[in-house]
Amino acid sequence: MARKPQEKLEHISDTLVIALKKHRLKFIGESISLQKLWLSAAGSIICEHSKPFKLKGKELHVAVSNSSWLQQISINSSILLEKIREIPDAPEINKIKLSLDDFPKEHTDGRMKVVNIPLTEKEKRFVEATVASLEVDDQEFKDIVRRVLKKAAIRRRLLGQ
């Protein structure tokens, strides 16, 4: 009997999330992305020079590309906090903590834009714990799962899922 073709392809990370839930493992994700939240509050121009990277309690940590932007965002932090509070489903944020940081270098490879983004410590622990919990002796398979989980974590962070 011939297999019926699928109408809509599903991304591998979505399949992994379902499989991980069966084993009571959580995939790292937030209801509202920090990137989308920051873009909505700060706008595209400020987002080109700053990136939120952590929400600790009620404090949003934002990396800024240079001291000029750090000062500008610092001066306007109360306005940004008001705009964040107006966003539906946004987490409660009382303070924006700014720090100077180098952003990941972007380069192009053919038609696809490649961004080197390191995993957070939490994401690294999740990936390694998941791979370690696999009941398979095939190292090549474990390496593939590790790469897929890393790419899925980065993809989710970039797409704001």
N, C-alpha and C. Protein backbone atom coordinates (compact mmCIF):
# COMPACT_ATOMS: atom_id res chain seq x y z
N MET A 1 0.85 -1.18 0.00
CA MET A 1 0.00 0.00 0.00
C MET A 1 0.89 1.24 0.00
N ALA A 2 0.62 2.15 -0.91
CA ALA A 2 1.43 3.36 -1.04
C ALA A 2 1.11 4.33 0.09
N ARG A 3 2.16 5.00 0.51
CA ARG A 3 2.01 5.97 1.59
C ARG A 3 1.40 7.26 1.06
N LYS A 4 0.48 7.82 1.79
CA LYS A 4 -0.20 9.05 1.39
C LYS A 4 0.75 10.24 1.59
N PRO A 5 0.94 11.10 0.58
CA PRO A 5 1.87 12.23 0.74
C PRO A 5 1.33 13.24 1.75
N GLN A 6 2.27 13.82 2.51
CA GLN A 6 1.90 14.84 3.48
C GLN A 6 1.63 16.15 2.78
N GLU A 7 0.60 16.84 3.24
CA GLU A 7 0.27 18.13 2.66
C GLU A 7 1.20 19.22 3.16
N LYS A 8 1.50 19.19 4.44
CA LYS A 8 2.33 20.23 5.05
C LYS A 8 3.50 19.58 5.76
N LEU A 9 4.70 20.01 5.43
CA LEU A 9 5.88 19.47 6.08
C LEU A 9 6.02 20.07 7.48
N GLU A 10 6.53 19.27 8.38
CA GLU A 10 6.69 19.69 9.77
C GLU A 10 8.18 19.82 10.06
N HIS A 11 8.55 20.88 10.77
CA HIS A 11 9.95 21.09 11.12
C HIS A 11 10.37 20.06 12.16
N ILE A 12 11.61 19.58 12.06
CA ILE A 12 12.11 18.54 12.95
C ILE A 12 12.06 18.96 14.42
N SER A 13 12.27 20.25 14.70
CA SER A 13 12.24 20.69 16.10
C SER A 13 10.85 20.55 16.70
N ASP A 14 9.80 20.73 15.88
CA ASP A 14 8.44 20.53 16.38
C ASP A 14 8.19 19.08 16.75
N THR A 15 8.73 18.17 15.95
CA THR A 15 8.62 16.74 16.23
C THR A 15 9.40 16.40 17.50
N LEU A 16 10.58 16.99 17.65
CA LEU A 16 11.38 16.73 18.84
C LEU A 16 10.68 17.21 20.10
N VAL A 17 10.00 18.35 20.03
CA VAL A 17 9.29 18.88 21.20
C VAL A 17 8.25 17.86 21.66
N ILE A 18 7.52 17.27 20.71
CA ILE A 18 6.51 16.27 21.06
C ILE A 18 7.16 15.05 21.69
N ALA A 19 8.27 14.62 21.09
CA ALA A 19 8.98 13.45 21.63
C ALA A 19 9.54 13.73 23.02
N LEU A 20 10.05 14.93 23.23
CA LEU A 20 10.61 15.28 24.53
C LEU A 20 9.53 15.36 25.60
N LYS A 21 8.34 15.82 25.23
CA LYS A 21 7.24 15.89 26.19
C LYS A 21 6.83 14.50 26.65
N LYS A 22 6.94 13.51 25.76
CA LYS A 22 6.61 12.14 26.13
C LYS A 22 7.54 11.63 27.23
N HIS A 23 8.78 12.12 27.21
CA HIS A 23 9.76 11.71 28.22
C HIS A 23 9.85 12.72 29.37
N ARG A 24 8.86 13.61 29.43
CA ARG A 24 8.77 14.64 30.48
C ARG A 24 9.98 15.57 30.51
N LEU A 25 10.52 15.86 29.35
CA LEU A 25 11.61 16.83 29.23
C LEU A 25 11.04 18.09 28.61
N LYS A 26 11.48 19.26 29.10
CA LYS A 26 10.98 20.53 28.59
C LYS A 26 11.91 21.08 27.53
N PHE A 27 11.29 21.68 26.51
CA PHE A 27 12.08 22.42 25.53
C PHE A 27 12.09 23.87 25.98
N ILE A 28 13.24 24.51 25.87
CA ILE A 28 13.39 25.87 26.35
C ILE A 28 12.64 26.82 25.42
N GLY A 29 11.73 27.57 25.97
CA GLY A 29 10.98 28.55 25.19
C GLY A 29 10.17 29.42 26.11
N GLU A 30 9.87 30.61 25.69
CA GLU A 30 9.09 31.53 26.50
C GLU A 30 7.84 31.90 25.74
N SER A 31 6.79 32.29 26.50
CA SER A 31 5.53 32.62 25.86
C SER A 31 5.67 33.84 24.95
N ILE A 32 6.50 34.76 25.35
CA ILE A 32 6.75 35.92 24.49
C ILE A 32 8.26 36.10 24.38
N SER A 33 8.75 36.22 23.20
CA SER A 33 10.18 36.31 22.97
C SER A 33 10.73 37.66 23.40
N LEU A 34 11.91 37.62 23.99
CA LEU A 34 12.56 38.88 24.38
C LEU A 34 12.87 39.73 23.14
N GLN A 35 13.26 39.06 22.05
CA GLN A 35 13.57 39.81 20.82
C GLN A 35 12.33 40.54 20.30
N LYS A 36 11.20 39.85 20.25
CA LYS A 36 9.97 40.48 19.76
C LYS A 36 9.51 41.59 20.72
N LEU A 37 9.63 41.32 22.00
CA LEU A 37 9.26 42.31 23.01
C LEU A 37 10.09 43.58 22.84
N TRP A 38 11.40 43.40 22.71
CA TRP A 38 12.31 44.54 22.57
C TRP A 38 12.04 45.29 21.27
N LEU A 39 11.79 44.56 20.19
CA LEU A 39 11.50 45.19 18.90
C LEU A 39 10.22 46.02 18.98
N SER A 40 9.20 45.49 19.63
CA SER A 40 7.94 46.23 19.77
C SER A 40 8.10 47.50 20.60
N ALA A 41 8.90 47.42 21.65
CA ALA A 41 9.06 48.57 22.55
C ALA A 41 10.07 49.57 22.01
N ALA A 42 11.20 49.09 21.51
CA ALA A 42 12.31 49.98 21.16
C ALA A 42 12.30 50.41 19.69
N GLY A 43 11.76 49.60 18.82
CA GLY A 43 11.78 49.93 17.40
C GLY A 43 12.99 49.34 16.70
N SER A 44 12.95 49.33 15.38
CA SER A 44 13.98 48.65 14.60
C SER A 44 15.35 49.33 14.66
N ILE A 45 15.39 50.64 14.75
CA ILE A 45 16.68 51.34 14.77
C ILE A 45 17.46 51.01 16.05
N ILE A 46 16.79 51.07 17.18
CA ILE A 46 17.46 50.73 18.44
C ILE A 46 17.83 49.24 18.46
N CYS A 47 16.98 48.40 17.89
CA CYS A 47 17.24 46.96 17.86
C CYS A 47 18.48 46.60 17.04
N GLU A 48 18.83 47.44 16.09
CA GLU A 48 20.06 47.19 15.31
C GLU A 48 21.30 47.34 16.19
N HIS A 49 21.20 48.09 17.26
CA HIS A 49 22.35 48.38 18.11
C HIS A 49 22.23 47.78 19.52
N SER A 50 21.16 47.04 19.76
CA SER A 50 20.98 46.45 21.09
C SER A 50 20.23 45.14 20.97
N LYS A 51 20.52 44.21 21.89
CA LYS A 51 19.86 42.91 21.89
C LYS A 51 19.57 42.49 23.33
N PRO A 52 18.31 42.17 23.64
CA PRO A 52 18.02 41.63 24.96
C PRO A 52 18.53 40.20 25.03
N PHE A 53 19.14 39.82 26.14
CA PHE A 53 19.67 38.46 26.20
C PHE A 53 19.23 37.69 27.44
N LYS A 54 18.59 38.38 28.42
CA LYS A 54 18.19 37.67 29.62
C LYS A 54 17.12 38.46 30.35
N LEU A 55 16.21 37.73 30.94
CA LEU A 55 15.22 38.31 31.82
C LEU A 55 15.41 37.64 33.17
N LYS A 56 15.91 38.41 34.12
CA LYS A 56 16.20 37.87 35.45
C LYS A 56 15.29 38.56 36.44
N GLY A 57 14.31 37.82 36.93
CA GLY A 57 13.31 38.43 37.80
C GLY A 57 12.51 39.44 37.02
N LYS A 58 12.55 40.68 37.47
CA LYS A 58 11.84 41.76 36.78
C LYS A 58 12.83 42.71 36.11
N GLU A 59 14.03 42.20 35.84
CA GLU A 59 15.09 43.02 35.24
C GLU A 59 15.45 42.47 33.86
N LEU A 60 15.32 43.31 32.85
CA LEU A 60 15.66 42.93 31.48
C LEU A 60 17.10 43.32 31.20
N HIS A 61 17.93 42.35 30.83
CA HIS A 61 19.33 42.61 30.52
C HIS A 61 19.47 42.77 29.01
N VAL A 62 20.09 43.89 28.62
CA VAL A 62 20.21 44.23 27.21
C VAL A 62 21.68 44.52 26.88
N ALA A 63 22.19 43.88 25.84
CA ALA A 63 23.54 44.16 25.36
C ALA A 63 23.46 45.28 24.34
N VAL A 64 24.39 46.22 24.43
CA VAL A 64 24.39 47.39 23.55
C VAL A 64 25.73 47.43 22.81
N SER A 65 25.69 47.84 21.54
CA SER A 65 26.88 47.77 20.68
C SER A 65 27.98 48.76 21.03
N ASN A 66 27.63 49.96 21.52
CA ASN A 66 28.67 50.93 21.87
C ASN A 66 28.16 51.89 22.95
N SER A 67 29.07 52.70 23.47
CA SER A 67 28.73 53.56 24.61
C SER A 67 27.72 54.65 24.25
N SER A 68 27.72 55.10 23.01
CA SER A 68 26.74 56.12 22.60
C SER A 68 25.32 55.58 22.71
N TRP A 69 25.12 54.37 22.21
CA TRP A 69 23.80 53.76 22.30
C TRP A 69 23.45 53.39 23.73
N LEU A 70 24.44 53.00 24.51
CA LEU A 70 24.20 52.70 25.91
C LEU A 70 23.65 53.93 26.62
N GLN A 71 24.26 55.08 26.38
CA GLN A 71 23.81 56.32 27.01
C GLN A 71 22.42 56.71 26.52
N GLN A 72 22.18 56.59 25.23
CA GLN A 72 20.89 56.97 24.65
C GLN A 72 19.76 56.10 25.20
N ILE A 73 20.00 54.80 25.26
CA ILE A 73 18.98 53.88 25.77
C ILE A 73 18.78 54.10 27.27
N SER A 74 19.86 54.37 27.97
CA SER A 74 19.78 54.63 29.40
C SER A 74 18.90 55.85 29.69
N ILE A 75 19.09 56.90 28.91
CA ILE A 75 18.30 58.12 29.08
C ILE A 75 16.82 57.84 28.81
N ASN A 76 16.53 57.00 27.82
CA ASN A 76 15.15 56.71 27.44
C ASN A 76 14.59 55.44 28.07
N SER A 77 15.25 54.91 29.09
CA SER A 77 14.81 53.63 29.67
C SER A 77 13.40 53.72 30.28
N SER A 78 13.05 54.85 30.87
CA SER A 78 11.70 54.96 31.46
C SER A 78 10.62 54.91 30.37
N ILE A 79 10.89 55.53 29.23
CA ILE A 79 9.94 55.49 28.11
C ILE A 79 9.83 54.06 27.58
N LEU A 80 10.98 53.37 27.47
CA LEU A 80 10.96 51.99 26.99
C LEU A 80 10.20 51.08 27.95
N LEU A 81 10.37 51.29 29.25
CA LEU A 81 9.65 50.49 30.23
C LEU A 81 8.13 50.70 30.11
N GLU A 82 7.71 51.94 29.87
CA GLU A 82 6.29 52.22 29.68
C GLU A 82 5.76 51.49 28.45
N LYS A 83 6.54 51.52 27.36
CA LYS A 83 6.12 50.83 26.14
C LYS A 83 6.04 49.32 26.34
N ILE A 84 6.97 48.77 27.11
CA ILE A 84 6.93 47.33 27.40
C ILE A 84 5.69 46.97 28.19
N ARG A 85 5.34 47.81 29.15
CA ARG A 85 4.15 47.55 29.99
C ARG A 85 2.86 47.60 29.18
N GLU A 86 2.86 48.33 28.08
CA GLU A 86 1.66 48.43 27.24
C GLU A 86 1.47 47.21 26.35
N ILE A 87 2.51 46.37 26.20
CA ILE A 87 2.43 45.20 25.33
C ILE A 87 1.66 44.09 26.04
N PRO A 88 0.62 43.54 25.37
CA PRO A 88 -0.14 42.45 26.00
C PRO A 88 0.74 41.22 26.21
N ASP A 89 0.52 40.51 27.29
CA ASP A 89 1.24 39.27 27.64
C ASP A 89 2.72 39.46 27.89
N ALA A 90 3.17 40.69 28.02
CA ALA A 90 4.59 40.95 28.30
C ALA A 90 4.86 40.66 29.78
N PRO A 91 6.04 40.11 30.08
CA PRO A 91 6.37 39.89 31.48
C PRO A 91 6.55 41.22 32.20
N GLU A 92 6.38 41.20 33.51
CA GLU A 92 6.54 42.42 34.29
C GLU A 92 8.03 42.77 34.39
N ILE A 93 8.38 43.95 33.91
CA ILE A 93 9.77 44.41 33.91
C ILE A 93 9.81 45.77 34.60
N ASN A 94 10.67 45.87 35.63
CA ASN A 94 10.79 47.12 36.37
C ASN A 94 12.08 47.87 36.07
N LYS A 95 13.05 47.17 35.47
CA LYS A 95 14.34 47.81 35.25
C LYS A 95 14.98 47.23 33.98
N ILE A 96 15.70 48.08 33.27
CA ILE A 96 16.48 47.64 32.11
C ILE A 96 17.95 47.80 32.48
N LYS A 97 18.67 46.70 32.48
CA LYS A 97 20.10 46.73 32.79
C LYS A 97 20.87 46.62 31.48
N LEU A 98 21.71 47.62 31.21
CA LEU A 98 22.46 47.69 29.96
C LEU A 98 23.91 47.30 30.17
N SER A 99 24.49 46.67 29.15
CA SER A 99 25.91 46.33 29.19
C SER A 99 26.48 46.41 27.78
N LEU A 100 27.74 46.81 27.70
CA LEU A 100 28.42 46.83 26.41
C LEU A 100 28.80 45.41 26.03
N ASP A 101 28.59 45.06 24.78
CA ASP A 101 28.89 43.70 24.36
C ASP A 101 29.10 43.67 22.85
N ASP A 102 29.95 42.75 22.40
CA ASP A 102 30.12 42.53 20.97
C ASP A 102 29.00 41.61 20.51
N PHE A 103 28.37 41.96 19.43
CA PHE A 103 27.32 41.13 18.88
C PHE A 103 27.95 40.02 18.06
N PRO A 104 27.23 38.90 17.88
CA PRO A 104 27.74 37.84 17.00
C PRO A 104 27.98 38.39 15.60
N LYS A 105 29.09 38.00 15.01
CA LYS A 105 29.43 38.46 13.66
C LYS A 105 28.54 37.79 12.63
N GLU A 106 28.04 38.59 11.70
CA GLU A 106 27.19 38.06 10.65
C GLU A 106 27.99 38.00 9.36
N HIS A 107 27.77 36.95 8.60
CA HIS A 107 28.39 36.84 7.29
C HIS A 107 27.43 36.12 6.36
N THR A 108 27.66 36.22 5.08
CA THR A 108 26.77 35.57 4.13
C THR A 108 27.47 34.37 3.52
N ASP A 109 26.68 33.37 3.25
CA ASP A 109 27.16 32.15 2.64
C ASP A 109 26.19 31.80 1.52
N GLY A 110 26.49 32.22 0.28
CA GLY A 110 25.56 32.02 -0.82
C GLY A 110 24.34 32.88 -0.61
N ARG A 111 23.16 32.23 -0.65
CA ARG A 111 21.91 32.96 -0.48
C ARG A 111 21.48 33.03 0.97
N MET A 112 22.05 32.18 1.81
CA MET A 112 21.58 32.08 3.18
C MET A 112 22.44 32.90 4.14
N LYS A 113 21.80 33.66 4.99
CA LYS A 113 22.51 34.45 5.97
C LYS A 113 22.80 33.57 7.18
N VAL A 114 24.05 33.51 7.56
CA VAL A 114 24.46 32.67 8.67
C VAL A 114 24.88 33.56 9.83
N VAL A 115 24.37 33.29 11.01
CA VAL A 115 24.71 34.07 12.19
C VAL A 115 25.28 33.11 13.23
N ASN A 116 26.46 33.44 13.74
CA ASN A 116 27.06 32.61 14.78
C ASN A 116 26.54 33.07 16.14
N ILE A 117 25.60 32.31 16.69
CA ILE A 117 25.00 32.66 17.97
C ILE A 117 25.30 31.53 18.95
N PRO A 118 25.98 31.84 20.04
CA PRO A 118 26.27 30.78 21.02
C PRO A 118 25.01 30.43 21.82
N LEU A 119 24.95 29.19 22.29
CA LEU A 119 23.85 28.76 23.14
C LEU A 119 24.04 29.31 24.55
N THR A 120 22.95 29.54 25.23
CA THR A 120 23.03 29.93 26.63
C THR A 120 23.43 28.71 27.45
N GLU A 121 23.84 28.91 28.67
CA GLU A 121 24.23 27.78 29.53
C GLU A 121 23.05 26.84 29.76
N LYS A 122 21.88 27.39 29.91
CA LYS A 122 20.67 26.59 30.12
C LYS A 122 20.40 25.72 28.89
N GLU A 123 20.54 26.31 27.70
CA GLU A 123 20.32 25.55 26.47
C GLU A 123 21.37 24.45 26.32
N LYS A 124 22.63 24.76 26.66
CA LYS A 124 23.69 23.75 26.58
C LYS A 124 23.39 22.57 27.51
N ARG A 125 22.98 22.88 28.74
CA ARG A 125 22.66 21.81 29.70
C ARG A 125 21.50 20.96 29.20
N PHE A 126 20.49 21.63 28.63
CA PHE A 126 19.33 20.91 28.10
C PHE A 126 19.74 19.96 26.97
N VAL A 127 20.54 20.46 26.04
CA VAL A 127 20.97 19.64 24.91
C VAL A 127 21.75 18.43 25.40
N GLU A 128 22.71 18.65 26.28
CA GLU A 128 23.55 17.54 26.76
C GLU A 128 22.74 16.55 27.60
N ALA A 129 21.81 17.03 28.40
CA ALA A 129 20.98 16.13 29.20
C ALA A 129 20.08 15.28 28.30
N THR A 130 19.55 15.90 27.26
CA THR A 130 18.68 15.18 26.34
C THR A 130 19.47 14.10 25.59
N VAL A 131 20.64 14.46 25.09
CA VAL A 131 21.47 13.49 24.37
C VAL A 131 21.91 12.37 25.29
N ALA A 132 22.25 12.70 26.53
CA ALA A 132 22.68 11.68 27.49
C ALA A 132 21.54 10.72 27.84
N SER A 133 20.30 11.21 27.78
CA SER A 133 19.15 10.36 28.13
C SER A 133 18.73 9.42 27.01
N LEU A 134 19.30 9.59 25.82
CA LEU A 134 18.96 8.70 24.70
C LEU A 134 19.46 7.29 24.99
N GLU A 135 18.61 6.33 24.75
CA GLU A 135 18.97 4.94 25.00
C GLU A 135 19.48 4.29 23.71
N VAL A 136 20.43 4.94 23.08
CA VAL A 136 21.00 4.47 21.82
C VAL A 136 22.51 4.52 21.94
N ASP A 137 23.19 3.50 21.40
CA ASP A 137 24.65 3.46 21.46
C ASP A 137 25.31 4.11 20.24
N ASP A 138 24.54 4.47 19.26
CA ASP A 138 25.07 5.02 18.01
C ASP A 138 25.52 6.47 18.23
N GLN A 139 26.84 6.70 18.23
CA GLN A 139 27.40 8.04 18.48
C GLN A 139 27.03 9.01 17.36
N GLU A 140 26.99 8.53 16.13
CA GLU A 140 26.64 9.40 15.01
C GLU A 140 25.21 9.93 15.16
N PHE A 141 24.30 9.06 15.59
CA PHE A 141 22.91 9.48 15.83
C PHE A 141 22.85 10.52 16.93
N LYS A 142 23.61 10.31 18.01
CA LYS A 142 23.63 11.28 19.11
C LYS A 142 24.17 12.63 18.65
N ASP A 143 25.19 12.61 17.78
CA ASP A 143 25.73 13.87 17.25
C ASP A 143 24.69 14.60 16.40
N ILE A 144 23.93 13.84 15.64
CA ILE A 144 22.88 14.44 14.80
C ILE A 144 21.81 15.08 15.68
N VAL A 145 21.37 14.35 16.71
CA VAL A 145 20.36 14.89 17.63
C VAL A 145 20.89 16.15 18.33
N ARG A 146 22.16 16.11 18.72
CA ARG A 146 22.78 17.27 19.38
C ARG A 146 22.74 18.49 18.44
N ARG A 147 23.13 18.31 17.18
CA ARG A 147 23.12 19.42 16.22
C ARG A 147 21.71 19.95 15.98
N VAL A 148 20.75 19.04 15.85
CA VAL A 148 19.36 19.45 15.62
C VAL A 148 18.83 20.24 16.81
N LEU A 149 19.11 19.77 18.02
CA LEU A 149 18.65 20.49 19.21
C LEU A 149 19.28 21.87 19.32
N LYS A 150 20.57 21.98 18.99
CA LYS A 150 21.24 23.28 19.04
C LYS A 150 20.63 24.24 18.04
N LYS A 151 20.45 23.76 16.81
CA LYS A 151 19.88 24.62 15.76
C LYS A 151 18.44 25.00 16.09
N ALA A 152 17.69 24.07 16.67
CA ALA A 152 16.30 24.36 17.03
C ALA A 152 16.24 25.43 18.13
N ALA A 153 17.14 25.36 19.10
CA ALA A 153 17.15 26.34 20.17
C ALA A 153 17.46 27.73 19.62
N ILE A 154 18.44 27.80 18.74
CA ILE A 154 18.79 29.09 18.13
C ILE A 154 17.66 29.61 17.26
N ARG A 155 17.08 28.70 16.48
CA ARG A 155 15.97 29.08 15.61
C ARG A 155 14.80 29.64 16.42
N ARG A 156 14.45 28.96 17.50
CA ARG A 156 13.35 29.42 18.34
C ARG A 156 13.65 30.79 18.94
N ARG A 157 14.89 31.00 19.37
CA ARG A 157 15.26 32.28 19.95
C ARG A 157 15.18 33.39 18.91
N LEU A 158 15.67 33.11 17.69
CA LEU A 158 15.65 34.12 16.64
C LEU A 158 14.24 34.42 16.15
N LEU A 159 13.40 33.39 16.07
CA LEU A 159 12.03 33.59 15.60
C LEU A 159 11.10 34.02 16.70
N GLY A 160 11.61 34.02 17.92
CA GLY A 160 10.80 34.48 19.04
C GLY A 160 9.74 33.50 19.49
N GLN A 161 10.03 32.25 19.43
CA GLN A 161 9.06 31.23 19.84
C GLN A 161 9.41 30.69 21.18
